[in-house]
Amino acid sequence: MNPSEYSPSSLAFIGDAYFELKVRTAILKQAQRPVKELNKLKVKLVSADAQAVYYDKLSAEDGILSAEELDIMKRGRNAFSKSTRGSSVGAYRKATGFEALMGYLSLSGDDERCDEIITFLNIV
């Protein structure tokens, strides 16, 4: 698959699932917890508001993202969406940008790069 062939919304579609699986796996490895507690923590880390914060941190830090990665994130942020699912429009758009980046990395087969970004963001 060539990730450049997909729209930002399509990248965000797969990036949402990819990032959530990464987070779920990481919190599961941390400690044995009841499923209800695992889900609470997962929701906190993958919400649109949390992803908007990740977007801001990545955008603000010079040199963490390549020019191509930053462009993908910005194109994702600018993708049209009717839904905001309880978050502000701005937060939802930034979250879509972050998810587009995760989708791009997933379709590129670059799990290592995704892990580097998650480590940088100190997500789990």
PDB file of N, CA and C in Angstrom:
ATOM      1  N   MET A   1       0.835  -1.194   0.000  1.00  0.00           N
ATOM      2  CA  MET A   1       0.000   0.000   0.000  1.00  0.00           C
ATOM      3  C   MET A   1       0.874   1.249   0.000  1.00  0.00           C
ATOM      4  N   ASN A   2       0.519   2.164  -0.807  1.00  0.00           N
ATOM      5  CA  ASN A   2       1.206   3.440  -0.813  1.00  0.00           C
ATOM      6  C   ASN A   2       0.336   4.439  -0.053  1.00  0.00           C
ATOM      7  N   PRO A   3       0.752   4.836   1.161  1.00  0.00           N
ATOM      8  CA  PRO A   3      -0.090   5.712   1.978  1.00  0.00           C
ATOM      9  C   PRO A   3      -0.351   7.075   1.345  1.00  0.00           C
ATOM     10  N   SER A   4       0.499   7.482   0.429  1.00  0.00           N
ATOM     11  CA  SER A   4       0.303   8.774  -0.237  1.00  0.00           C
ATOM     12  C   SER A   4      -0.923   8.780  -1.139  1.00  0.00           C
ATOM     13  N   GLU A   5      -1.429   7.589  -1.471  1.00  0.00           N
ATOM     14  CA  GLU A   5      -2.589   7.484  -2.354  1.00  0.00           C
ATOM     15  C   GLU A   5      -3.912   7.675  -1.628  1.00  0.00           C
ATOM     16  N   TYR A   6      -3.887   7.743  -0.309  1.00  0.00           N
ATOM     17  CA  TYR A   6      -5.112   7.834   0.470  1.00  0.00           C
ATOM     18  C   TYR A   6      -5.381   9.266   0.910  1.00  0.00           C
ATOM     19  N   SER A   7      -6.649   9.587   1.026  1.00  0.00           N
ATOM     20  CA  SER A   7      -7.042  10.923   1.498  1.00  0.00           C
ATOM     21  C   SER A   7      -6.681  11.064   2.973  1.00  0.00           C
ATOM     22  N   PRO A   8      -6.552  12.293   3.458  1.00  0.00           N
ATOM     23  CA  PRO A   8      -6.293  12.499   4.883  1.00  0.00           C
ATOM     24  C   PRO A   8      -7.358  11.852   5.774  1.00  0.00           C
ATOM     25  N   SER A   9      -8.613  11.881   5.335  1.00  0.00           N
ATOM     26  CA  SER A   9      -9.679  11.259   6.121  1.00  0.00           C
ATOM     27  C   SER A   9      -9.517   9.744   6.185  1.00  0.00           C
ATOM     28  N   SER A  10      -9.086   9.140   5.089  1.00  0.00           N
ATOM     29  CA  SER A  10      -8.845   7.703   5.083  1.00  0.00           C
ATOM     30  C   SER A  10      -7.656   7.341   5.968  1.00  0.00           C
ATOM     31  N   LEU A  11      -6.627   8.160   5.928  1.00  0.00           N
ATOM     32  CA  LEU A  11      -5.479   7.937   6.811  1.00  0.00           C
ATOM     33  C   LEU A  11      -5.900   8.047   8.274  1.00  0.00           C
ATOM     34  N   ALA A  12      -6.753   9.021   8.570  1.00  0.00           N
ATOM     35  CA  ALA A  12      -7.239   9.190   9.943  1.00  0.00           C
ATOM     36  C   ALA A  12      -8.104   8.005  10.365  1.00  0.00           C
ATOM     37  N   PHE A  13      -8.877   7.471   9.435  1.00  0.00           N
ATOM     38  CA  PHE A  13      -9.735   6.319   9.711  1.00  0.00           C
ATOM     39  C   PHE A  13      -8.911   5.139  10.219  1.00  0.00           C
ATOM     40  N   ILE A  14      -7.829   4.811   9.502  1.00  0.00           N
ATOM     41  CA  ILE A  14      -6.992   3.688   9.920  1.00  0.00           C
ATOM     42  C   ILE A  14      -6.095   4.091  11.090  1.00  0.00           C
ATOM     43  N   GLY A  15      -5.675   5.347  11.115  1.00  0.00           N
ATOM     44  CA  GLY A  15      -4.805   5.831  12.195  1.00  0.00           C
ATOM     45  C   GLY A  15      -5.482   5.800  13.540  1.00  0.00           C
ATOM     46  N   ASP A  16      -6.773   6.046  13.571  1.00  0.00           N
ATOM     47  CA  ASP A  16      -7.534   6.000  14.822  1.00  0.00           C
ATOM     48  C   ASP A  16      -7.457   4.598  15.422  1.00  0.00           C
ATOM     49  N   ALA A  17      -7.703   3.588  14.613  1.00  0.00           N
ATOM     50  CA  ALA A  17      -7.674   2.199  15.087  1.00  0.00           C
ATOM     51  C   ALA A  17      -6.250   1.772  15.450  1.00  0.00           C
ATOM     52  N   TYR A  18      -5.297   2.154  14.627  1.00  0.00           N
ATOM     53  CA  TYR A  18      -3.891   1.794  14.852  1.00  0.00           C
ATOM     54  C   TYR A  18      -3.387   2.376  16.162  1.00  0.00           C
ATOM     55  N   PHE A  19      -3.643   3.660  16.383  1.00  0.00           N
ATOM     56  CA  PHE A  19      -3.187   4.321  17.601  1.00  0.00           C
ATOM     57  C   PHE A  19      -3.880   3.721  18.825  1.00  0.00           C
ATOM     58  N   GLU A  20      -5.177   3.463  18.714  1.00  0.00           N
ATOM     59  CA  GLU A  20      -5.890   2.883  19.852  1.00  0.00           C
ATOM     60  C   GLU A  20      -5.322   1.510  20.202  1.00  0.00           C
ATOM     61  N   LEU A  21      -5.006   0.711  19.207  1.00  0.00           N
ATOM     62  CA  LEU A  21      -4.419  -0.600  19.480  1.00  0.00           C
ATOM     63  C   LEU A  21      -3.052  -0.454  20.151  1.00  0.00           C
ATOM     64  N   LYS A  22      -2.263   0.494  19.695  1.00  0.00           N
ATOM     65  CA  LYS A  22      -0.956   0.758  20.318  1.00  0.00           C
ATOM     66  C   LYS A  22      -1.139   1.121  21.793  1.00  0.00           C
ATOM     67  N   VAL A  23      -2.081   2.013  22.075  1.00  0.00           N
ATOM     68  CA  VAL A  23      -2.322   2.447  23.455  1.00  0.00           C
ATOM     69  C   VAL A  23      -2.864   1.293  24.289  1.00  0.00           C
ATOM     70  N   ARG A  24      -3.824   0.563  23.762  1.00  0.00           N
ATOM     71  CA  ARG A  24      -4.390  -0.572  24.501  1.00  0.00           C
ATOM     72  C   ARG A  24      -3.300  -1.586  24.861  1.00  0.00           C
ATOM     73  N   THR A  25      -2.450  -1.885  23.907  1.00  0.00           N
ATOM     74  CA  THR A  25      -1.373  -2.843  24.143  1.00  0.00           C
ATOM     75  C   THR A  25      -0.422  -2.334  25.222  1.00  0.00           C
ATOM     76  N   ALA A  26      -0.066  -1.065  25.155  1.00  0.00           N
ATOM     77  CA  ALA A  26       0.870  -0.496  26.126  1.00  0.00           C
ATOM     78  C   ALA A  26       0.288  -0.483  27.541  1.00  0.00           C
ATOM     79  N   ILE A  27      -0.973  -0.091  27.692  1.00  0.00           N
ATOM     80  CA  ILE A  27      -1.534  -0.048  29.047  1.00  0.00           C
ATOM     81  C   ILE A  27      -1.783  -1.454  29.585  1.00  0.00           C
ATOM     82  N   LEU A  28      -2.052  -2.396  28.718  1.00  0.00           N
ATOM     83  CA  LEU A  28      -2.223  -3.775  29.157  1.00  0.00           C
ATOM     84  C   LEU A  28      -0.907  -4.336  29.699  1.00  0.00           C
ATOM     85  N   LYS A  29       0.201  -3.968  29.060  1.00  0.00           N
ATOM     86  CA  LYS A  29       1.519  -4.447  29.485  1.00  0.00           C
ATOM     87  C   LYS A  29       1.988  -3.805  30.794  1.00  0.00           C
ATOM     88  N   GLN A  30       1.437  -2.644  31.145  1.00  0.00           N
ATOM     89  CA  GLN A  30       1.878  -1.942  32.357  1.00  0.00           C
ATOM     90  C   GLN A  30       1.572  -2.719  33.630  1.00  0.00           C
ATOM     91  N   ALA A  31       0.362  -3.220  33.746  1.00  0.00           N
ATOM     92  CA  ALA A  31      -0.041  -3.919  34.974  1.00  0.00           C
ATOM     93  C   ALA A  31      -1.377  -4.605  34.749  1.00  0.00           C
ATOM     94  N   GLN A  32      -1.633  -5.617  35.549  1.00  0.00           N
ATOM     95  CA  GLN A  32      -2.941  -6.266  35.534  1.00  0.00           C
ATOM     96  C   GLN A  32      -3.946  -5.316  36.176  1.00  0.00           C
ATOM     97  N   ARG A  33      -5.005  -5.035  35.456  1.00  0.00           N
ATOM     98  CA  ARG A  33      -6.056  -4.150  35.943  1.00  0.00           C
ATOM     99  C   ARG A  33      -7.398  -4.710  35.493  1.00  0.00           C
ATOM    100  N   PRO A  34      -8.458  -4.335  36.206  1.00  0.00           N
ATOM    101  CA  PRO A  34      -9.791  -4.709  35.708  1.00  0.00           C
ATOM    102  C   PRO A  34     -10.049  -4.045  34.356  1.00  0.00           C
ATOM    103  N   VAL A  35     -10.831  -4.708  33.525  1.00  0.00           N
ATOM    104  CA  VAL A  35     -11.111  -4.205  32.180  1.00  0.00           C
ATOM    105  C   VAL A  35     -11.732  -2.812  32.233  1.00  0.00           C
ATOM    106  N   LYS A  36     -12.602  -2.571  33.197  1.00  0.00           N
ATOM    107  CA  LYS A  36     -13.229  -1.260  33.323  1.00  0.00           C
ATOM    108  C   LYS A  36     -12.170  -0.166  33.522  1.00  0.00           C
ATOM    109  N   GLU A  37     -11.159  -0.455  34.323  1.00  0.00           N
ATOM    110  CA  GLU A  37     -10.079   0.505  34.562  1.00  0.00           C
ATOM    111  C   GLU A  37      -9.216   0.677  33.305  1.00  0.00           C
ATOM    112  N   LEU A  38      -8.950  -0.421  32.618  1.00  0.00           N
ATOM    113  CA  LEU A  38      -8.198  -0.341  31.365  1.00  0.00           C
ATOM    114  C   LEU A  38      -8.923   0.547  30.355  1.00  0.00           C
ATOM    115  N   ASN A  39     -10.223   0.352  30.247  1.00  0.00           N
ATOM    116  CA  ASN A  39     -10.996   1.131  29.288  1.00  0.00           C
ATOM    117  C   ASN A  39     -11.008   2.613  29.649  1.00  0.00           C
ATOM    118  N   LYS A  40     -11.145   2.919  30.945  1.00  0.00           N
ATOM    119  CA  LYS A  40     -11.133   4.316  31.390  1.00  0.00           C
ATOM    120  C   LYS A  40      -9.828   5.001  30.991  1.00  0.00           C
ATOM    121  N   LEU A  41      -8.724   4.316  31.232  1.00  0.00           N
ATOM    122  CA  LEU A  41      -7.416   4.875  30.894  1.00  0.00           C
ATOM    123  C   LEU A  41      -7.267   5.030  29.385  1.00  0.00           C
ATOM    124  N   LYS A  42      -7.725   4.027  28.635  1.00  0.00           N
ATOM    125  CA  LYS A  42      -7.651   4.087  27.174  1.00  0.00           C
ATOM    126  C   LYS A  42      -8.429   5.273  26.631  1.00  0.00           C
ATOM    127  N   VAL A  43      -9.646   5.460  27.128  1.00  0.00           N
ATOM    128  CA  VAL A  43     -10.486   6.569  26.658  1.00  0.00           C
ATOM    129  C   VAL A  43      -9.801   7.906  26.920  1.00  0.00           C
ATOM    130  N   LYS A  44      -9.196   8.037  28.071  1.00  0.00           N
ATOM    131  CA  LYS A  44      -8.493   9.275  28.425  1.00  0.00           C
ATOM    132  C   LYS A  44      -7.336   9.560  27.458  1.00  0.00           C
ATOM    133  N   LEU A  45      -6.642   8.521  27.020  1.00  0.00           N
ATOM    134  CA  LEU A  45      -5.459   8.689  26.178  1.00  0.00           C
ATOM    135  C   LEU A  45      -5.753   8.815  24.693  1.00  0.00           C
ATOM    136  N   VAL A  46      -6.895   8.292  24.247  1.00  0.00           N
ATOM    137  CA  VAL A  46      -7.177   8.330  22.806  1.00  0.00           C
ATOM    138  C   VAL A  46      -8.310   9.291  22.446  1.00  0.00           C
ATOM    139  N   SER A  47      -8.803  10.050  23.400  1.00  0.00           N
ATOM    140  CA  SER A  47      -9.887  10.996  23.116  1.00  0.00           C
ATOM    141  C   SER A  47      -9.418  12.079  22.144  1.00  0.00           C
ATOM    142  N   ALA A  48     -10.369  12.714  21.504  1.00  0.00           N
ATOM    143  CA  ALA A  48     -10.038  13.810  20.582  1.00  0.00           C
ATOM    144  C   ALA A  48      -9.307  14.930  21.313  1.00  0.00           C
ATOM    145  N   ASP A  49      -9.712  15.215  22.540  1.00  0.00           N
ATOM    146  CA  ASP A  49      -9.037  16.281  23.297  1.00  0.00           C
ATOM    147  C   ASP A  49      -7.583  15.912  23.589  1.00  0.00           C
ATOM    148  N   ALA A  50      -7.331  14.652  23.947  1.00  0.00           N
ATOM    149  CA  ALA A  50      -5.954  14.205  24.198  1.00  0.00           C
ATOM    150  C   ALA A  50      -5.142  14.251  22.910  1.00  0.00           C
ATOM    151  N   GLN A  51      -5.747  13.799  21.815  1.00  0.00           N
ATOM    152  CA  GLN A  51      -5.034  13.797  20.541  1.00  0.00           C
ATOM    153  C   GLN A  51      -4.743  15.214  20.057  1.00  0.00           C
ATOM    154  N   ALA A  52      -5.597  16.160  20.390  1.00  0.00           N
ATOM    155  CA  ALA A  52      -5.340  17.566  20.037  1.00  0.00           C
ATOM    156  C   ALA A  52      -4.099  18.064  20.778  1.00  0.00           C
ATOM    157  N   VAL A  53      -3.936  17.637  22.023  1.00  0.00           N
ATOM    158  CA  VAL A  53      -2.735  17.997  22.795  1.00  0.00           C
ATOM    159  C   VAL A  53      -1.498  17.381  22.143  1.00  0.00           C
ATOM    160  N   TYR A  54      -1.603  16.123  21.707  1.00  0.00           N
ATOM    161  CA  TYR A  54      -0.473  15.479  21.031  1.00  0.00           C
ATOM    162  C   TYR A  54      -0.117  16.248  19.754  1.00  0.00           C
ATOM    163  N   TYR A  55      -1.137  16.662  19.015  1.00  0.00           N
ATOM    164  CA  TYR A  55      -0.930  17.438  17.792  1.00  0.00           C
ATOM    165  C   TYR A  55      -0.142  18.713  18.119  1.00  0.00           C
ATOM    166  N   ASP A  56      -0.580  19.417  19.158  1.00  0.00           N
ATOM    167  CA  ASP A  56       0.088  20.669  19.538  1.00  0.00           C
ATOM    168  C   ASP A  56       1.540  20.437  19.951  1.00  0.00           C
ATOM    169  N   LYS A  57       1.790  19.385  20.720  1.00  0.00           N
ATOM    170  CA  LYS A  57       3.166  19.089  21.155  1.00  0.00           C
ATOM    171  C   LYS A  57       4.059  18.769  19.967  1.00  0.00           C
ATOM    172  N   LEU A  58       3.558  17.969  19.048  1.00  0.00           N
ATOM    173  CA  LEU A  58       4.351  17.618  17.873  1.00  0.00           C
ATOM    174  C   LEU A  58       4.583  18.824  16.974  1.00  0.00           C
ATOM    175  N   SER A  59       3.591  19.682  16.850  1.00  0.00           N
ATOM    176  CA  SER A  59       3.722  20.878  16.006  1.00  0.00           C
ATOM    177  C   SER A  59       4.697  21.888  16.598  1.00  0.00           C
ATOM    178  N   ALA A  60       4.745  21.952  17.916  1.00  0.00           N
ATOM    179  CA  ALA A  60       5.560  22.961  18.595  1.00  0.00           C
ATOM    180  C   ALA A  60       7.034  22.577  18.673  1.00  0.00           C
ATOM    181  N   GLU A  61       7.328  21.298  18.590  1.00  0.00           N
ATOM    182  CA  GLU A  61       8.694  20.819  18.778  1.00  0.00           C
ATOM    183  C   GLU A  61       9.431  20.745  17.446  1.00  0.00           C
ATOM    184  N   ASP A  62      10.418  21.616  17.271  1.00  0.00           N
ATOM    185  CA  ASP A  62      11.212  21.596  16.038  1.00  0.00           C
ATOM    186  C   ASP A  62      12.023  20.313  15.942  1.00  0.00           C
ATOM    187  N   GLY A  63      11.983  19.702  14.776  1.00  0.00           N
ATOM    188  CA  GLY A  63      12.825  18.558  14.504  1.00  0.00           C
ATOM    189  C   GLY A  63      12.255  17.209  14.879  1.00  0.00           C
ATOM    190  N   ILE A  64      11.142  17.157  15.578  1.00  0.00           N
ATOM    191  CA  ILE A  64      10.592  15.840  15.952  1.00  0.00           C
ATOM    192  C   ILE A  64       9.916  15.177  14.756  1.00  0.00           C
ATOM    193  N   LEU A  65       9.238  15.969  13.945  1.00  0.00           N
ATOM    194  CA  LEU A  65       8.582  15.426  12.743  1.00  0.00           C
ATOM    195  C   LEU A  65       9.341  15.866  11.499  1.00  0.00           C
ATOM    196  N   SER A  66       9.365  14.998  10.516  1.00  0.00           N
ATOM    197  CA  SER A  66       9.921  15.389   9.226  1.00  0.00           C
ATOM    198  C   SER A  66       8.945  16.354   8.560  1.00  0.00           C
ATOM    199  N   ALA A  67       9.399  17.016   7.519  1.00  0.00           N
ATOM    200  CA  ALA A  67       8.519  17.924   6.783  1.00  0.00           C
ATOM    201  C   ALA A  67       7.325  17.171   6.215  1.00  0.00           C
ATOM    202  N   GLU A  68       7.549  15.952   5.749  1.00  0.00           N
ATOM    203  CA  GLU A  68       6.473  15.136   5.193  1.00  0.00           C
ATOM    204  C   GLU A  68       5.451  14.767   6.274  1.00  0.00           C
ATOM    205  N   GLU A  69       5.930  14.362   7.453  1.00  0.00           N
ATOM    206  CA  GLU A  69       5.030  13.998   8.546  1.00  0.00           C
ATOM    207  C   GLU A  69       4.209  15.204   9.006  1.00  0.00           C
ATOM    208  N   LEU A  70       4.849  16.350   9.101  1.00  0.00           N
ATOM    209  CA  LEU A  70       4.138  17.565   9.492  1.00  0.00           C
ATOM    210  C   LEU A  70       3.084  17.929   8.456  1.00  0.00           C
ATOM    211  N   ASP A  71       3.407  17.766   7.188  1.00  0.00           N
ATOM    212  CA  ASP A  71       2.450  18.048   6.122  1.00  0.00           C
ATOM    213  C   ASP A  71       1.242  17.118   6.204  1.00  0.00           C
ATOM    214  N   ILE A  72       1.477  15.857   6.461  1.00  0.00           N
ATOM    215  CA  ILE A  72       0.381  14.886   6.580  1.00  0.00           C
ATOM    216  C   ILE A  72      -0.525  15.271   7.748  1.00  0.00           C
ATOM    217  N   MET A  73       0.083  15.645   8.863  1.00  0.00           N
ATOM    218  CA  MET A  73      -0.702  16.031  10.028  1.00  0.00           C
ATOM    219  C   MET A  73      -1.552  17.277   9.733  1.00  0.00           C
ATOM    220  N   LYS A  74      -0.964  18.240   9.044  1.00  0.00           N
ATOM    221  CA  LYS A  74      -1.703  19.462   8.699  1.00  0.00           C
ATOM    222  C   LYS A  74      -2.822  19.186   7.702  1.00  0.00           C
ATOM    223  N   ARG A  75      -2.560  18.315   6.724  1.00  0.00           N
ATOM    224  CA  ARG A  75      -3.619  17.966   5.767  1.00  0.00           C
ATOM    225  C   ARG A  75      -4.763  17.242   6.471  1.00  0.00           C
ATOM    226  N   GLY A  76      -4.435  16.400   7.431  1.00  0.00           N
ATOM    227  CA  GLY A  76      -5.462  15.723   8.217  1.00  0.00           C
ATOM    228  C   GLY A  76      -6.277  16.701   9.038  1.00  0.00           C
ATOM    229  N   ARG A  77      -5.608  17.674   9.605  1.00  0.00           N
ATOM    230  CA  ARG A  77      -6.300  18.696  10.396  1.00  0.00           C
ATOM    231  C   ARG A  77      -7.271  19.491   9.533  1.00  0.00           C
ATOM    232  N   ASN A  78      -6.917  19.692   8.293  1.00  0.00           N
ATOM    233  CA  ASN A  78      -7.741  20.502   7.400  1.00  0.00           C
ATOM    234  C   ASN A  78      -8.812  19.707   6.670  1.00  0.00           C
ATOM    235  N   ALA A  79      -8.860  18.401   6.892  1.00  0.00           N
ATOM    236  CA  ALA A  79      -9.869  17.562   6.236  1.00  0.00           C
ATOM    237  C   ALA A  79     -11.251  17.920   6.765  1.00  0.00           C
ATOM    238  N   PHE A  80     -12.227  17.899   5.890  1.00  0.00           N
ATOM    239  CA  PHE A  80     -13.597  18.258   6.257  1.00  0.00           C
ATOM    240  C   PHE A  80     -14.236  17.150   7.078  1.00  0.00           C
ATOM    241  N   SER A  81     -14.938  17.548   8.132  1.00  0.00           N
ATOM    242  CA  SER A  81     -15.686  16.581   8.937  1.00  0.00           C
ATOM    243  C   SER A  81     -16.925  17.256   9.490  1.00  0.00           C
ATOM    244  N   LYS A  82     -18.039  16.550   9.444  1.00  0.00           N
ATOM    245  CA  LYS A  82     -19.285  17.097   9.981  1.00  0.00           C
ATOM    246  C   LYS A  82     -19.409  16.854  11.481  1.00  0.00           C
ATOM    247  N   SER A  83     -18.770  15.809  11.966  1.00  0.00           N
ATOM    248  CA  SER A  83     -18.932  15.390  13.355  1.00  0.00           C
ATOM    249  C   SER A  83     -17.779  15.877  14.217  1.00  0.00           C
ATOM    250  N   THR A  84     -18.082  16.162  15.485  1.00  0.00           N
ATOM    251  CA  THR A  84     -17.025  16.504  16.439  1.00  0.00           C
ATOM    252  C   THR A  84     -17.100  15.632  17.680  1.00  0.00           C
ATOM    253  N   ARG A  85     -18.101  14.815  17.809  1.00  0.00           N
ATOM    254  CA  ARG A  85     -18.250  13.834  18.886  1.00  0.00           C
ATOM    255  C   ARG A  85     -17.936  14.377  20.275  1.00  0.00           C
ATOM    256  N   GLY A  86     -18.504  15.500  20.627  1.00  0.00           N
ATOM    257  CA  GLY A  86     -18.388  16.020  21.981  1.00  0.00           C
ATOM    258  C   GLY A  86     -17.184  16.899  22.250  1.00  0.00           C
ATOM    259  N   SER A  87     -16.307  17.074  21.285  1.00  0.00           N
ATOM    260  CA  SER A  87     -15.144  17.948  21.450  1.00  0.00           C
ATOM    261  C   SER A  87     -15.366  19.218  20.646  1.00  0.00           C
ATOM    262  N   SER A  88     -14.531  20.209  20.892  1.00  0.00           N
ATOM    263  CA  SER A  88     -14.620  21.422  20.087  1.00  0.00           C
ATOM    264  C   SER A  88     -14.195  21.096  18.663  1.00  0.00           C
ATOM    265  N   VAL A  89     -14.609  21.920  17.728  1.00  0.00           N
ATOM    266  CA  VAL A  89     -14.244  21.716  16.327  1.00  0.00           C
ATOM    267  C   VAL A  89     -12.727  21.743  16.181  1.00  0.00           C
ATOM    268  N   GLY A  90     -12.077  22.681  16.848  1.00  0.00           N
ATOM    269  CA  GLY A  90     -10.620  22.787  16.765  1.00  0.00           C
ATOM    270  C   GLY A  90      -9.921  21.545  17.275  1.00  0.00           C
ATOM    271  N   ALA A  91     -10.365  21.033  18.424  1.00  0.00           N
ATOM    272  CA  ALA A  91      -9.757  19.828  18.999  1.00  0.00           C
ATOM    273  C   ALA A  91      -9.993  18.637  18.083  1.00  0.00           C
ATOM    274  N   TYR A  92     -11.184  18.524  17.552  1.00  0.00           N
ATOM    275  CA  TYR A  92     -11.508  17.390  16.685  1.00  0.00           C
ATOM    276  C   TYR A  92     -10.659  17.431  15.412  1.00  0.00           C
ATOM    277  N   ARG A  93     -10.456  18.598  14.868  1.00  0.00           N
ATOM    278  CA  ARG A  93      -9.655  18.728  13.647  1.00  0.00           C
ATOM    279  C   ARG A  93      -8.193  18.372  13.908  1.00  0.00           C
ATOM    280  N   LYS A  94      -7.665  18.843  15.045  1.00  0.00           N
ATOM    281  CA  LYS A  94      -6.284  18.492  15.400  1.00  0.00           C
ATOM    282  C   LYS A  94      -6.160  16.991  15.630  1.00  0.00           C
ATOM    283  N   ALA A  95      -7.153  16.396  16.293  1.00  0.00           N
ATOM    284  CA  ALA A  95      -7.149  14.954  16.523  1.00  0.00           C
ATOM    285  C   ALA A  95      -7.135  14.212  15.194  1.00  0.00           C
ATOM    286  N   THR A  96      -7.904  14.696  14.229  1.00  0.00           N
ATOM    287  CA  THR A  96      -7.926  14.071  12.904  1.00  0.00           C
ATOM    288  C   THR A  96      -6.553  14.179  12.251  1.00  0.00           C
ATOM    289  N   GLY A  97      -5.875  15.289  12.439  1.00  0.00           N
ATOM    290  CA  GLY A  97      -4.513  15.445  11.924  1.00  0.00           C
ATOM    291  C   GLY A  97      -3.555  14.442  12.550  1.00  0.00           C
ATOM    292  N   PHE A  98      -3.644  14.282  13.865  1.00  0.00           N
ATOM    293  CA  PHE A  98      -2.797  13.317  14.559  1.00  0.00           C
ATOM    294  C   PHE A  98      -3.103  11.900  14.070  1.00  0.00           C
ATOM    295  N   GLU A  99      -4.375  11.570  13.942  1.00  0.00           N
ATOM    296  CA  GLU A  99      -4.768  10.239  13.462  1.00  0.00           C
ATOM    297  C   GLU A  99      -4.280  10.004  12.030  1.00  0.00           C
ATOM    298  N   ALA A 100      -4.307  11.037  11.205  1.00  0.00           N
ATOM    299  CA  ALA A 100      -3.812  10.904   9.827  1.00  0.00           C
ATOM    300  C   ALA A 100      -2.329  10.534   9.836  1.00  0.00           C
ATOM    301  N   LEU A 101      -1.575  11.149  10.722  1.00  0.00           N
ATOM    302  CA  LEU A 101      -0.154  10.810  10.843  1.00  0.00           C
ATOM    303  C   LEU A 101       0.014   9.361  11.277  1.00  0.00           C
ATOM    304  N   MET A 102      -0.765   8.936  12.255  1.00  0.00           N
ATOM    305  CA  MET A 102      -0.688   7.544  12.719  1.00  0.00           C
ATOM    306  C   MET A 102      -1.079   6.571  11.594  1.00  0.00           C
ATOM    307  N   GLY A 103      -2.092   6.932  10.817  1.00  0.00           N
ATOM    308  CA  GLY A 103      -2.503   6.100   9.692  1.00  0.00           C
ATOM    309  C   GLY A 103      -1.421   6.013   8.633  1.00  0.00           C
ATOM    310  N   TYR A 104      -0.786   7.123   8.362  1.00  0.00           N
ATOM    311  CA  TYR A 104       0.303   7.157   7.390  1.00  0.00           C
ATOM    312  C   TYR A 104       1.435   6.232   7.832  1.00  0.00           C
ATOM    313  N   LEU A 105       1.802   6.319   9.110  1.00  0.00           N
ATOM    314  CA  LEU A 105       2.877   5.472   9.628  1.00  0.00           C
ATOM    315  C   LEU A 105       2.477   3.999   9.592  1.00  0.00           C
ATOM    316  N   SER A 106       1.224   3.719   9.921  1.00  0.00           N
ATOM    317  CA  SER A 106       0.735   2.345   9.896  1.00  0.00           C
ATOM    318  C   SER A 106       0.808   1.766   8.485  1.00  0.00           C
ATOM    319  N   LEU A 107       0.276   2.489   7.522  1.00  0.00           N
ATOM    320  CA  LEU A 107       0.272   2.002   6.144  1.00  0.00           C
ATOM    321  C   LEU A 107       1.671   1.953   5.536  1.00  0.00           C
ATOM    322  N   SER A 108       2.584   2.741   6.092  1.00  0.00           N
ATOM    323  CA  SER A 108       3.983   2.709   5.649  1.00  0.00           C
ATOM    324  C   SER A 108       4.727   1.531   6.262  1.00  0.00           C
ATOM    325  N   GLY A 109       4.107   0.892   7.255  1.00  0.00           N
ATOM    326  CA  GLY A 109       4.765  -0.209   7.956  1.00  0.00           C
ATOM    327  C   GLY A 109       5.826   0.272   8.916  1.00  0.00           C
ATOM    328  N   ASP A 110       5.721   1.515   9.344  1.00  0.00           N
ATOM    329  CA  ASP A 110       6.753   2.118  10.187  1.00  0.00           C
ATOM    330  C   ASP A 110       6.322   2.146  11.657  1.00  0.00           C
ATOM    331  N   ASP A 111       6.174   0.959  12.232  1.00  0.00           N
ATOM    332  CA  ASP A 111       5.805   0.851  13.652  1.00  0.00           C
ATOM    333  C   ASP A 111       6.849   1.507  14.552  1.00  0.00           C
ATOM    334  N   GLU A 112       8.105   1.376  14.167  1.00  0.00           N
ATOM    335  CA  GLU A 112       9.185   1.944  14.984  1.00  0.00           C
ATOM    336  C   GLU A 112       9.039   3.464  15.098  1.00  0.00           C
ATOM    337  N   ARG A 113       8.701   4.105  13.993  1.00  0.00           N
ATOM    338  CA  ARG A 113       8.535   5.567  14.012  1.00  0.00           C
ATOM    339  C   ARG A 113       7.339   5.959  14.867  1.00  0.00           C
ATOM    340  N   CYS A 114       6.264   5.198  14.761  1.00  0.00           N
ATOM    341  CA  CYS A 114       5.094   5.452  15.597  1.00  0.00           C
ATOM    342  C   CYS A 114       5.474   5.331  17.072  1.00  0.00           C
ATOM    343  N   ASP A 115       6.217   4.288  17.409  1.00  0.00           N
ATOM    344  CA  ASP A 115       6.653   4.094  18.797  1.00  0.00           C
ATOM    345  C   ASP A 115       7.532   5.247  19.273  1.00  0.00           C
ATOM    346  N   GLU A 116       8.395   5.766  18.396  1.00  0.00           N
ATOM    347  CA  GLU A 116       9.235   6.919  18.747  1.00  0.00           C
ATOM    348  C   GLU A 116       8.367   8.127  19.092  1.00  0.00           C
ATOM    349  N   ILE A 117       7.337   8.351  18.307  1.00  0.00           N
ATOM    350  CA  ILE A 117       6.453   9.495  18.537  1.00  0.00           C
ATOM    351  C   ILE A 117       5.670   9.300  19.843  1.00  0.00           C
ATOM    352  N   ILE A 118       5.177   8.108  20.078  1.00  0.00           N
ATOM    353  CA  ILE A 118       4.441   7.826  21.318  1.00  0.00           C
ATOM    354  C   ILE A 118       5.365   8.011  22.521  1.00  0.00           C
ATOM    355  N   THR A 119       6.612   7.573  22.411  1.00  0.00           N
ATOM    356  CA  THR A 119       7.594   7.758  23.489  1.00  0.00           C
ATOM    357  C   THR A 119       7.856   9.237  23.710  1.00  0.00           C
ATOM    358  N   PHE A 120       8.059   9.987  22.634  1.00  0.00           N
ATOM    359  CA  PHE A 120       8.286  11.430  22.747  1.00  0.00           C
ATOM    360  C   PHE A 120       7.131  12.122  23.465  1.00  0.00           C
ATOM    361  N   LEU A 121       5.920  11.710  23.131  1.00  0.00           N
ATOM    362  CA  LEU A 121       4.729  12.322  23.735  1.00  0.00           C
ATOM    363  C   LEU A 121       4.484  11.832  25.166  1.00  0.00           C
ATOM    364  N   ASN A 122       5.220  10.801  25.572  1.00  0.00           N
ATOM    365  CA  ASN A 122       5.087  10.243  26.926  1.00  0.00           C
ATOM    366  C   ASN A 122       3.642   9.825  27.201  1.00  0.00           C
ATOM    367  N   ILE A 123       3.043   9.158  26.227  1.00  0.00           N
ATOM    368  CA  ILE A 123       1.637   8.780  26.313  1.00  0.00           C
ATOM    369  C   ILE A 123       1.427   7.628  27.295  1.00  0.00           C
ATOM    370  N   VAL A 124       2.247   6.593  27.197  1.00  0.00           N
ATOM    371  CA  VAL A 124       2.125   5.454  28.126  1.00  0.00           C
ATOM    372  C   VAL A 124       3.489   4.995  28.569  1.00  0.00           C
TER     373      VAL A 124
END
